[in-house]
Structures are given as structure tokens and as C-alpha cells.
Amino acid sequence: MKSIKNLISLGYLLMALLVIGIMYIWYKEWCDLEKLEVQNRHIDTFRQESHEIFVFLIELSLSGETVLEWEDADLEHYHYQRMAIDSMLCRFKTIYPTERIDSVRHLLEDKERQMRQIVQVFEQQQAINDKITRQVPIIVQKSVQEQPQKPKRKGFLGIFGKKEKPKPTVTTTMLRSLDRDMITEQQTQSRRLSEHTDSLRYEMRNLTGNCTDLYNQMDKKVQADLQKREAEITAMGEQSFMQIGSLTGFVLLLLVISYIIIHRNANRIKRYKQKTTDLIGQLQQSVEQNEALIASRKKAVHTITHELRTPLTAIIGYTSLMEKGNEAVMLDKLITETEKEMQAIREAGLKKDLQELDALTHHLRSSWEILRADQPLRELYKLLHCDGTPDDKTIGNAVKAVLDKGSEIIRLAKEERRKYENG
């Protein structure tokens, strides 16, 4: 029974440990999944930000194609977009090398400066064109008002001399001055514009290369992170499969062991029940037999006790009388044997044992046979002094219990008594 309790306690302990292990594995997997979810959200955010940066860079590149048509508002809008991209690039310094991020930022800043200079040069050219446009009508108006001067000949009466070159008019002078100044200024502005354009082209080429490298690095990092997460998820799935498989196998093993133990205990309990039922049946039969034996024994003991009560009482009385008599030598043996038998009678009366009573009866019979052979019974009248018929009946009953020929002895005893009384 104690071993069964120990096995049951061990089974409960294993079940508790199994439940705790399952809960721990579930909690660990839940924490790992939460970490993966957070990392996946970071990767998604990073991909979204990198995509936004790439889109903004493309928009800035495309917007720079129409820089010759820009105004101050367009420059301010471009500056706002460039600062937004700059702030986004600063957040990537924790992931990518700072030098690359700073190089892209500086290229964007230089591009904006070159574009501003281009816009300024273009505005200056526009101002020159406006100036030309304003000066030309004035010159044309003056040229209309001026009278052309005919060239004069030198010599006598202007016949034999050479013609003098006409002096340039004011209009001509103005046109020449305007042409000379404007052309010089336009050449200067064109040269500056060409320089800024070349610089912008160079900056755009560098910016495009750096942006392409940056975007490729971002994309590679995103792909590497995604592959790493996929590998971690695959490893976690395999680990979970192994753990769940191990736990399932362990549970099945426990179930098989529990089934075997329960089956053995059930068979053992069944055998115990069968043995108990058989023992109960045997015990019931034994109880019934014992009750029958006890009842018959009680009946026999009661009958024997009732039959022996009167003679034993008489013997005890005779023994007491014999102890008070003067025939000590002749009756020492009888008194000694009788005392032993009286003690045995008292013990038998207390124990009420049938075998002891039977042995006592046999021993009394043997003792009286020996005494009868040693001393005739007719001489006992000297020891017994009885008055009345009840005493005679008591003597008769006592003698009947131990001798076969009680009637003759009674008759002899009475005759001896009459002789004793008459004589």
C-alpha cells in the first residue's frame, strides 16, 4: 500500500513537472515571438524609411531638371525637401558608417548651392536681356531722329579731294557700346553658367553614385536582416518541434507506464478482492462452526457441571469431615489426594474446561478405586456422622458418581449405620 502511494505521488510530481515545463516552453516561445515581431517591425520601418529616402532622392533629382525655370518659391521648396532628407539620413548613422551618410548630405547641400547659383546666373542673364530689350527701342528712336551726314570731299570745290569718312552717330555709338558691354557680360554669365552646370553635373553624378550605393547597402542590410529573421524563425520552429516532440514522447511514455502500473495494480486489487472474498467465506464458515462448537460446548459443560455439582459438593463435605477425624494414619493418603482433587475442582469450576473436567473425573475414579482396595468402605461409618435422610441421599449421590455398584454400597452403609445405632 505504501509503495502504491509512493508511485502515485511520484506520478503527480512528474505531471506537475511536465506542466511546469510546458508552461515554461510556451512562455519562452511567446517571448521569442514577441522579440521577432519587434524586430520585424523595425525591419519594416527601416525598409519604409529607406524607400522614402530613395523616393525623395528621385524627386529631388527630377526636380533639378527644371532648375532654369525655378523661382524663389521653388528654391525654398527644394530646401525644405533637402532638409527633410537630411534629417532622415541622420537617423541612419546608427546603422551605416557616418562618413557615407555625411558624404551624401554634403553632396545634397552642394547640389542645392549650385542650383541656387545657376538660378542667380540665369536671373542675371535675364536681367541683361531685359536691359538689351529696354535699350534697343531707345536707340532705334534716336536713329530715326538723326539726319544722316553726307561725306564731304577735300580739295578745290570738293572735286579733286578724297571723301572724308563720316563720323559715327550717337546711335551708332550707343549700339556699339551696348553690343560690346552686353556681349562681354553675356559671355561672362555664360561662362559662369557653364561652370555651375558642369559642377552641378559632377555633383549629380557623385550624388547619384553615393545614393545608389547607399540604397544598395540599405537593401542588402534589409535583405540580410530578413534572411536572418527567417533563419531564426526556422530554427525556432525546429526547436519548438523538437521540444514538443520530446514532450509528446515523454507524455506517451508516462501514459504507457501509468497504464502498466494501473493495470498491474488493478489485477493485484482484483486478486486481493478474490482472496479477501474467499477468506471472508472461510471465516464465515469458521465462525459458524465455532459458534456451533461453542454452543455445543456450552451445553455439554452446562450439563456436566450440573451433573457434577452434587457429587463434588458431597466429596468436598466428606473431605472436610475426614480432615476433622482421628483416623489420620489410615486416611492420610485419601486426604492428600482429595485436597489435590478439590483444588483441581475449584480451578475447573472457574475455567469450565471440558477436558479438565473429564481428566478430573477419571482421576477421581482412579483414586477411589485405590482407596476401596486399601480400606473397605463399610468402615467409613466411623468417620461419617450424618443425621437424617438428606445426608443419606447426599452420600448415595456422591457414591453413585464414582462407583458402579452404588446401590449395594448404599445398602451396606445403611446396615452398618443401623448396627452402629442399635449396638
Protein backbone atom coordinates (compact mmCIF):
# COMPACT_ATOMS: atom_id res chain seq x y z
CA MET A 1 0.00 0.00 0.00
CA LYS A 2 2.84 2.37 0.85
CA SER A 3 4.59 1.63 -2.45
CA ILE A 4 1.38 2.39 -4.34
CA LYS A 5 1.09 5.73 -2.55
CA ASN A 6 4.71 6.50 -3.40
CA LEU A 7 4.11 5.64 -7.05
CA ILE A 8 1.00 7.83 -7.14
CA SER A 9 2.90 10.70 -5.50
CA LEU A 10 5.74 10.25 -8.00
CA GLY A 11 3.23 10.30 -10.85
CA TYR A 12 1.66 13.52 -9.60
CA LEU A 13 5.13 15.04 -9.20
CA LEU A 14 6.07 14.10 -12.76
CA MET A 15 2.80 15.52 -14.05
CA ALA A 16 3.41 18.77 -12.18
CA LEU A 17 6.95 18.99 -13.55
CA LEU A 18 5.65 18.26 -17.03
CA VAL A 19 3.02 21.00 -16.77
CA ILE A 20 5.64 23.45 -15.46
CA GLY A 21 7.97 22.53 -18.33
CA ILE A 22 5.23 23.01 -20.91
CA MET A 23 4.30 26.39 -19.43
CA TYR A 24 7.96 27.47 -19.40
CA ILE A 25 8.46 26.43 -23.03
CA TRP A 26 5.25 28.21 -24.04
CA TYR A 27 6.34 31.38 -22.22
CA LYS A 28 9.82 31.25 -23.75
CA GLU A 29 8.41 30.80 -27.25
CA TRP A 30 5.97 33.62 -26.65
CA CYS A 31 8.83 35.93 -25.59
CA ASP A 32 10.88 34.88 -28.61
CA LEU A 33 7.95 35.52 -30.92
CA GLU A 34 7.45 38.94 -29.36
CA LYS A 35 11.12 39.74 -29.95
CA LEU A 36 10.83 38.60 -33.54
CA GLU A 37 7.71 40.69 -34.01
CA VAL A 38 9.52 43.76 -32.66
CA GLN A 39 12.50 43.10 -34.90
CA ASN A 40 10.24 42.57 -37.89
CA ARG A 41 8.51 45.85 -37.16
CA HIS A 42 11.91 47.57 -37.01
CA ILE A 43 12.88 45.99 -40.31
CA ASP A 44 9.61 47.08 -41.90
CA THR A 45 10.10 50.61 -40.57
CA PHE A 46 13.66 50.63 -41.85
CA ARG A 47 12.57 49.42 -45.26
CA GLN A 48 9.85 52.04 -45.38
CA GLU A 49 12.26 54.82 -44.41
CA SER A 50 14.85 53.67 -46.93
CA HIS A 51 12.18 53.54 -49.60
CA GLU A 52 11.01 57.03 -48.67
CA ILE A 53 14.58 58.34 -48.86
CA PHE A 54 15.05 56.76 -52.26
CA VAL A 55 11.78 58.25 -53.49
CA PHE A 56 12.73 61.70 -52.15
CA LEU A 57 16.12 61.48 -53.82
CA ILE A 58 14.49 60.61 -57.12
CA GLU A 59 12.07 63.51 -56.71
CA LEU A 60 14.93 65.89 -55.97
CA SER A 61 16.83 64.62 -58.98
CA LEU A 62 13.84 65.02 -61.25
CA SER A 63 13.02 68.43 -59.85
CA GLY A 64 16.55 69.61 -60.59
CA GLU A 65 15.98 69.12 -64.32
CA THR A 66 13.81 72.24 -64.46
CA VAL A 67 16.09 74.43 -62.40
CA LEU A 68 16.28 77.08 -65.18
CA GLU A 69 12.60 77.79 -64.70
CA TRP A 70 12.69 77.98 -60.94
CA GLU A 71 11.81 80.92 -58.81
CA ASP A 72 12.48 81.74 -55.19
CA ALA A 73 9.47 79.69 -54.02
CA ASP A 74 10.78 76.66 -55.87
CA LEU A 75 14.16 77.08 -54.22
CA GLU A 76 12.53 77.25 -50.78
CA HIS A 77 10.52 74.10 -51.50
CA TYR A 78 13.67 72.33 -52.65
CA HIS A 79 15.46 73.45 -49.48
CA TYR A 80 12.60 72.09 -47.34
CA GLN A 81 12.76 68.70 -49.09
CA ARG A 82 16.53 68.61 -48.79
CA MET A 83 16.37 69.27 -45.03
CA ALA A 84 13.77 66.52 -44.61
CA ILE A 85 16.04 64.05 -46.38
CA ASP A 86 18.97 65.30 -44.30
CA SER A 87 17.13 64.58 -41.04
CA MET A 88 16.15 61.12 -42.30
CA LEU A 89 19.74 60.36 -43.24
CA CYS A 90 20.93 61.38 -39.77
CA ARG A 91 18.80 58.60 -38.28
CA PHE A 92 20.75 56.03 -40.31
CA LYS A 93 24.06 56.93 -38.67
CA THR A 94 23.43 54.22 -36.07
CA ILE A 95 23.25 51.60 -38.82
CA TYR A 96 25.61 52.75 -41.58
CA PRO A 97 29.04 54.40 -41.44
CA THR A 98 28.82 58.08 -40.63
CA GLU A 99 31.23 59.00 -43.44
CA ARG A 100 28.90 57.73 -46.13
CA ILE A 101 25.88 59.43 -44.64
CA ASP A 102 27.77 62.71 -44.28
CA SER A 103 29.08 62.48 -47.86
CA VAL A 104 25.53 62.15 -49.19
CA ARG A 105 24.39 65.05 -47.04
CA HIS A 106 27.25 67.26 -48.23
CA LEU A 107 26.55 66.35 -51.86
CA LEU A 108 22.92 67.32 -51.44
CA GLU A 109 23.96 70.58 -49.85
CA ASP A 110 26.44 71.33 -52.66
CA LYS A 111 23.81 70.50 -55.22
CA GLU A 112 21.42 72.96 -53.65
CA ARG A 113 24.11 75.64 -53.63
CA GLN A 114 24.98 75.02 -57.28
CA MET A 115 21.35 75.15 -58.22
CA ARG A 116 20.97 78.46 -56.41
CA GLN A 117 23.99 79.83 -58.27
CA ILE A 118 22.58 78.60 -61.56
CA VAL A 119 19.32 80.32 -60.79
CA GLN A 120 21.21 83.51 -59.93
CA VAL A 121 23.23 83.38 -63.18
CA PHE A 122 20.11 82.76 -65.13
CA GLU A 123 18.45 85.71 -63.44
CA GLN A 124 21.44 87.87 -64.31
CA GLN A 125 21.20 86.79 -67.93
CA GLN A 126 17.55 87.57 -67.84
CA ALA A 127 18.38 91.00 -66.46
CA ILE A 128 20.88 91.55 -69.31
CA ASN A 129 18.28 90.54 -71.84
CA ASP A 130 15.81 92.87 -70.23
CA LYS A 131 18.38 95.67 -70.36
CA ILE A 132 19.01 95.00 -74.05
CA THR A 133 15.34 94.95 -74.63
CA ARG A 134 14.97 98.32 -72.96
CA GLN A 135 17.96 99.94 -74.75
CA VAL A 136 17.16 98.82 -78.27
CA PRO A 137 13.92 100.82 -78.65
CA ILE A 138 15.65 103.96 -77.39
CA ILE A 139 18.47 103.54 -79.86
CA VAL A 140 16.05 102.90 -82.68
CA GLN A 141 14.10 106.05 -81.84
CA LYS A 142 17.25 108.17 -81.82
CA SER A 143 18.42 106.70 -85.06
CA VAL A 144 15.19 107.77 -86.69
CA GLN A 145 15.51 111.33 -85.42
CA GLU A 146 19.10 111.78 -86.53
CA GLN A 147 19.85 113.11 -90.09
CA PRO A 148 22.39 111.16 -91.94
CA GLN A 149 25.50 113.28 -92.75
CA LYS A 150 26.86 113.18 -96.30
CA PRO A 151 30.56 112.73 -96.59
CA LYS A 152 32.48 115.78 -97.90
CA ARG A 153 35.36 115.79 -100.46
CA LYS A 154 38.57 117.51 -99.82
CA GLY A 155 40.29 119.73 -102.38
CA PHE A 156 39.15 122.59 -104.64
CA LEU A 157 35.42 122.78 -104.64
CA GLY A 158 35.36 119.24 -103.42
CA ILE A 159 36.09 117.94 -106.86
CA PHE A 160 39.59 116.71 -106.67
CA GLY A 161 39.76 115.73 -102.95
CA LYS A 162 39.01 112.43 -101.25
CA LYS A 163 35.82 111.84 -99.43
CA GLU A 164 36.03 112.17 -95.68
CA LYS A 165 34.79 109.33 -93.57
CA PRO A 166 31.55 110.14 -91.89
CA LYS A 167 31.65 110.43 -88.11
CA PRO A 168 29.67 107.77 -86.22
CA THR A 169 26.43 108.94 -85.00
CA VAL A 170 25.26 108.85 -81.45
CA THR A 171 23.01 105.93 -82.23
CA THR A 172 25.84 104.01 -83.72
CA THR A 173 27.98 104.74 -80.73
CA MET A 174 25.23 103.62 -78.39
CA LEU A 175 24.70 100.42 -80.34
CA ARG A 176 28.37 99.65 -80.35
CA SER A 177 28.68 100.34 -76.65
CA LEU A 178 25.60 98.25 -75.88
CA ASP A 179 26.80 95.45 -78.05
CA ARG A 180 30.26 95.48 -76.53
CA ASP A 181 29.03 95.60 -72.91
CA MET A 182 26.22 93.11 -73.30
CA ILE A 183 28.31 90.65 -75.22
CA THR A 184 31.05 90.81 -72.61
CA GLU A 185 28.59 90.39 -69.78
CA GLN A 186 26.75 87.61 -71.55
CA GLN A 187 29.98 85.79 -72.18
CA THR A 188 30.89 86.13 -68.54
CA GLN A 189 27.49 84.87 -67.42
CA SER A 190 27.57 82.05 -69.94
CA ARG A 191 30.97 81.02 -68.69
CA ARG A 192 29.73 81.10 -65.10
CA LEU A 193 26.62 79.19 -66.05
CA SER A 194 28.68 76.61 -67.84
CA GLU A 195 30.93 76.27 -64.81
CA HIS A 196 27.99 75.89 -62.47
CA THR A 197 26.34 73.46 -64.82
CA ASP A 198 29.45 71.34 -65.03
CA SER A 199 29.84 71.45 -61.29
CA LEU A 200 26.19 70.53 -60.84
CA ARG A 201 26.60 67.70 -63.32
CA TYR A 202 29.59 66.44 -61.40
CA GLU A 203 27.76 66.76 -58.10
CA MET A 204 24.75 64.99 -59.55
CA ARG A 205 26.92 62.16 -60.80
CA ASN A 206 28.58 61.78 -57.41
CA LEU A 207 25.26 62.12 -55.63
CA THR A 208 23.68 59.54 -57.86
CA GLY A 209 26.54 57.12 -57.24
CA ASN A 210 26.50 57.65 -53.49
CA CYS A 211 22.73 57.41 -53.34
CA THR A 212 22.83 54.24 -55.39
CA ASP A 213 25.48 52.75 -53.09
CA LEU A 214 23.55 53.85 -50.04
CA TYR A 215 20.32 52.40 -51.34
CA ASN A 216 22.07 49.16 -52.30
CA GLN A 217 23.58 48.95 -48.83
CA MET A 218 20.20 49.60 -47.28
CA ASP A 219 18.61 46.98 -49.46
CA LYS A 220 21.37 44.49 -48.67
CA LYS A 221 21.02 45.15 -44.97
CA VAL A 222 17.28 44.74 -45.16
CA GLN A 223 17.66 41.50 -47.10
CA ALA A 224 20.31 40.26 -44.67
CA ASP A 225 18.09 41.10 -41.69
CA LEU A 226 15.14 39.41 -43.32
CA GLN A 227 17.17 36.31 -44.08
CA LYS A 228 18.49 36.32 -40.53
CA ARG A 229 14.97 36.59 -39.15
CA GLU A 230 13.79 33.82 -41.45
CA ALA A 231 16.68 31.64 -40.29
CA GLU A 232 15.84 32.41 -36.66
CA ILE A 233 12.18 31.64 -37.27
CA THR A 234 13.13 28.37 -38.99
CA ALA A 235 15.48 27.44 -36.14
CA MET A 236 12.82 28.36 -33.60
CA GLY A 237 10.30 26.23 -35.45
CA GLU A 238 12.67 23.27 -35.48
CA GLN A 239 13.50 23.78 -31.82
CA SER A 240 9.82 24.03 -30.96
CA PHE A 241 9.14 20.89 -32.99
CA MET A 242 11.89 19.02 -31.14
CA GLN A 243 10.69 20.25 -27.77
CA ILE A 244 7.07 19.48 -28.49
CA GLY A 245 8.05 16.10 -29.94
CA SER A 246 10.14 15.30 -26.88
CA LEU A 247 7.36 16.36 -24.53
CA THR A 248 4.83 14.37 -26.54
CA GLY A 249 7.04 11.29 -26.43
CA PHE A 250 7.61 11.77 -22.73
CA VAL A 251 3.87 12.13 -22.16
CA LEU A 252 3.19 8.98 -24.17
CA LEU A 253 5.86 7.14 -22.18
CA LEU A 254 4.29 8.33 -18.94
CA LEU A 255 0.88 7.24 -20.19
CA VAL A 256 2.21 3.77 -21.07
CA ILE A 257 3.96 3.46 -17.70
CA SER A 258 0.83 4.71 -15.92
CA TYR A 259 -1.30 2.22 -17.86
CA ILE A 260 1.04 -0.64 -16.94
CA ILE A 261 1.11 0.38 -13.28
CA ILE A 262 -2.65 0.87 -13.15
CA HIS A 263 -3.22 -2.45 -14.93
CA ARG A 264 -0.91 -4.28 -12.52
CA ASN A 265 -2.49 -2.61 -9.52
CA ALA A 266 -5.96 -3.39 -10.84
CA ASN A 267 -5.05 -7.07 -11.28
CA ARG A 268 -3.46 -7.10 -7.84
CA ILE A 269 -6.52 -5.48 -6.30
CA LYS A 270 -8.70 -7.96 -8.15
CA ARG A 271 -6.67 -10.87 -6.76
CA TYR A 272 -6.78 -9.31 -3.30
CA LYS A 273 -10.52 -8.93 -3.57
CA GLN A 274 -10.88 -12.56 -4.65
CA LYS A 275 -8.65 -13.74 -1.82
CA THR A 276 -10.48 -11.49 0.61
CA THR A 277 -13.82 -12.85 -0.57
CA ASP A 278 -12.57 -16.42 -0.16
CA LEU A 279 -11.14 -15.65 3.27
CA ILE A 280 -14.36 -13.96 4.30
CA GLY A 281 -16.28 -17.03 3.20
CA GLN A 282 -13.90 -19.32 5.08
CA LEU A 283 -14.05 -17.08 8.12
CA GLN A 284 -17.82 -17.07 7.99
CA GLN A 285 -17.82 -20.85 7.82
CA SER A 286 -15.29 -21.00 10.65
CA VAL A 287 -17.38 -18.57 12.68
CA GLU A 288 -20.48 -20.65 12.10
CA GLN A 289 -18.61 -23.83 13.03
CA ASN A 290 -17.09 -22.17 16.08
CA GLU A 291 -20.45 -20.83 17.11
CA ALA A 292 -21.90 -24.33 16.76
CA LEU A 293 -18.97 -25.82 18.69
CA ILE A 294 -19.20 -23.13 21.35
CA ALA A 295 -22.93 -23.71 21.69
CA SER A 296 -22.47 -27.49 21.96
CA ARG A 297 -19.56 -27.00 24.33
CA LYS A 298 -21.54 -24.64 26.50
CA LYS A 299 -24.37 -27.15 26.51
CA ALA A 300 -22.03 -30.04 27.38
CA VAL A 301 -20.22 -28.06 30.05
CA HIS A 302 -23.51 -26.92 31.48
CA THR A 303 -24.79 -30.49 31.57
CA ILE A 304 -21.59 -31.92 33.05
CA THR A 305 -21.33 -29.10 35.56
CA HIS A 306 -24.91 -29.68 36.60
CA GLU A 307 -24.32 -33.41 36.92
CA LEU A 308 -21.07 -32.98 38.85
CA ARG A 309 -22.20 -30.20 41.16
CA THR A 310 -23.98 -32.54 43.65
CA PRO A 311 -21.32 -35.32 43.90
CA LEU A 312 -18.48 -32.83 44.01
CA THR A 313 -20.22 -30.96 46.82
CA ALA A 314 -20.60 -34.23 48.71
CA ILE A 315 -16.97 -35.13 48.17
CA ILE A 316 -15.90 -31.70 49.44
CA GLY A 317 -18.09 -32.25 52.50
CA TYR A 318 -16.70 -35.72 53.14
CA THR A 319 -13.23 -34.38 52.81
CA SER A 320 -13.92 -31.72 55.40
CA LEU A 321 -15.29 -34.38 57.78
CA MET A 322 -12.34 -36.60 57.15
CA GLU A 323 -9.93 -33.76 57.93
CA LYS A 324 -11.57 -33.45 61.40
CA GLY A 325 -11.45 -37.20 62.24
CA ASN A 326 -8.96 -39.23 64.30
CA GLU A 327 -8.01 -41.76 61.61
CA ALA A 328 -5.04 -39.80 60.42
CA VAL A 329 -2.79 -42.71 59.54
CA MET A 330 -5.41 -44.59 57.64
CA LEU A 331 -6.80 -41.64 55.72
CA ASP A 332 -3.69 -39.50 55.06
CA LYS A 333 -3.49 -40.77 51.58
CA LEU A 334 -7.19 -40.10 50.97
CA ILE A 335 -6.99 -36.59 52.40
CA THR A 336 -3.91 -35.70 50.36
CA GLU A 337 -5.42 -36.98 47.14
CA THR A 338 -8.74 -35.36 47.95
CA GLU A 339 -7.14 -31.95 48.57
CA LYS A 340 -5.42 -32.14 45.23
CA GLU A 341 -8.65 -33.05 43.57
CA MET A 342 -10.52 -30.25 45.36
CA GLN A 343 -8.05 -27.68 44.15
CA ALA A 344 -8.37 -29.06 40.63
CA ILE A 345 -12.16 -29.00 41.00
CA ARG A 346 -12.11 -25.35 42.02
CA GLU A 347 -9.86 -24.44 39.11
CA ALA A 348 -12.01 -26.48 36.75
CA GLY A 349 -15.10 -24.78 38.11
CA LEU A 350 -13.56 -21.41 37.26
CA LYS A 351 -12.21 -22.40 33.86
CA LYS A 352 -15.15 -24.54 32.87
CA ASP A 353 -12.93 -26.58 30.61
CA LEU A 354 -14.43 -29.83 29.40
CA GLN A 355 -11.14 -31.63 29.03
CA GLU A 356 -10.01 -30.72 32.56
CA LEU A 357 -13.31 -31.90 33.96
CA ASP A 358 -13.03 -35.17 32.09
CA ALA A 359 -9.47 -35.68 33.33
CA LEU A 360 -10.55 -34.79 36.85
CA THR A 361 -13.40 -37.29 36.74
CA HIS A 362 -11.07 -40.02 35.55
CA HIS A 363 -8.54 -39.18 38.25
CA LEU A 364 -11.21 -39.22 40.98
CA ARG A 365 -12.40 -42.59 39.78
CA SER A 366 -8.87 -43.96 39.94
CA SER A 367 -8.32 -42.52 43.43
CA TRP A 368 -11.49 -44.06 44.80
CA GLU A 369 -10.64 -47.41 43.24
CA ILE A 370 -7.30 -47.35 45.05
CA LEU A 371 -8.90 -46.34 48.33
CA ARG A 372 -11.56 -49.01 48.05
CA ALA A 373 -8.91 -51.64 47.55
CA ASP A 374 -6.90 -50.41 50.56
CA GLN A 375 -9.79 -49.90 53.01
CA PRO A 376 -13.31 -51.33 52.83
CA LEU A 377 -15.99 -48.73 52.54
CA ARG A 378 -18.04 -50.21 55.37
CA GLU A 379 -15.54 -48.89 57.92
CA LEU A 380 -16.19 -45.30 56.86
CA TYR A 381 -19.17 -45.10 59.17
CA LYS A 382 -16.70 -44.35 61.93
CA LEU A 383 -15.73 -41.17 60.15
CA LEU A 384 -19.12 -40.03 58.87
CA HIS A 385 -21.74 -38.80 61.23
CA CYS A 386 -24.91 -37.92 59.35
CA ASP A 387 -28.31 -37.08 60.70
CA GLY A 388 -31.38 -37.58 58.67
CA THR A 389 -32.36 -38.87 55.31
CA PRO A 390 -30.99 -35.89 53.27
CA ASP A 391 -27.50 -36.81 54.37
CA ASP A 392 -28.08 -40.38 53.25
CA LYS A 393 -29.21 -39.14 49.87
CA THR A 394 -26.15 -36.94 49.64
CA ILE A 395 -23.91 -39.89 50.40
CA GLY A 396 -25.74 -42.02 47.89
CA ASN A 397 -25.41 -39.42 45.15
CA ALA A 398 -21.74 -38.96 45.92
CA VAL A 399 -21.01 -42.65 45.81
CA LYS A 400 -23.03 -43.12 42.60
CA ALA A 401 -20.86 -40.57 40.85
CA VAL A 402 -17.65 -42.57 41.46
CA LEU A 403 -18.65 -46.25 41.80
CA ASP A 404 -20.55 -48.60 39.56
CA LYS A 405 -22.22 -50.61 42.34
CA GLY A 406 -23.65 -47.76 44.29
CA SER A 407 -26.83 -49.46 45.37
CA GLU A 408 -25.03 -52.27 47.28
CA ILE A 409 -22.72 -49.81 48.95
CA ILE A 410 -25.65 -47.69 50.00
CA ARG A 411 -27.35 -50.71 51.44
CA LEU A 412 -24.23 -51.74 53.29
CA ALA A 413 -23.72 -48.26 54.55
CA LYS A 414 -27.25 -48.14 55.90
CA GLU A 415 -26.95 -51.59 57.53
CA GLU A 416 -23.69 -50.59 59.16
CA ARG A 417 -25.40 -47.49 60.40
CA ARG A 418 -28.28 -49.45 61.91
CA LYS A 419 -25.88 -51.78 63.63
CA TYR A 420 -23.98 -48.86 64.96
CA GLU A 421 -27.14 -47.22 66.26
CA ASN A 422 -28.53 -50.46 67.84
CA GLY A 423 -25.30 -51.62 69.35
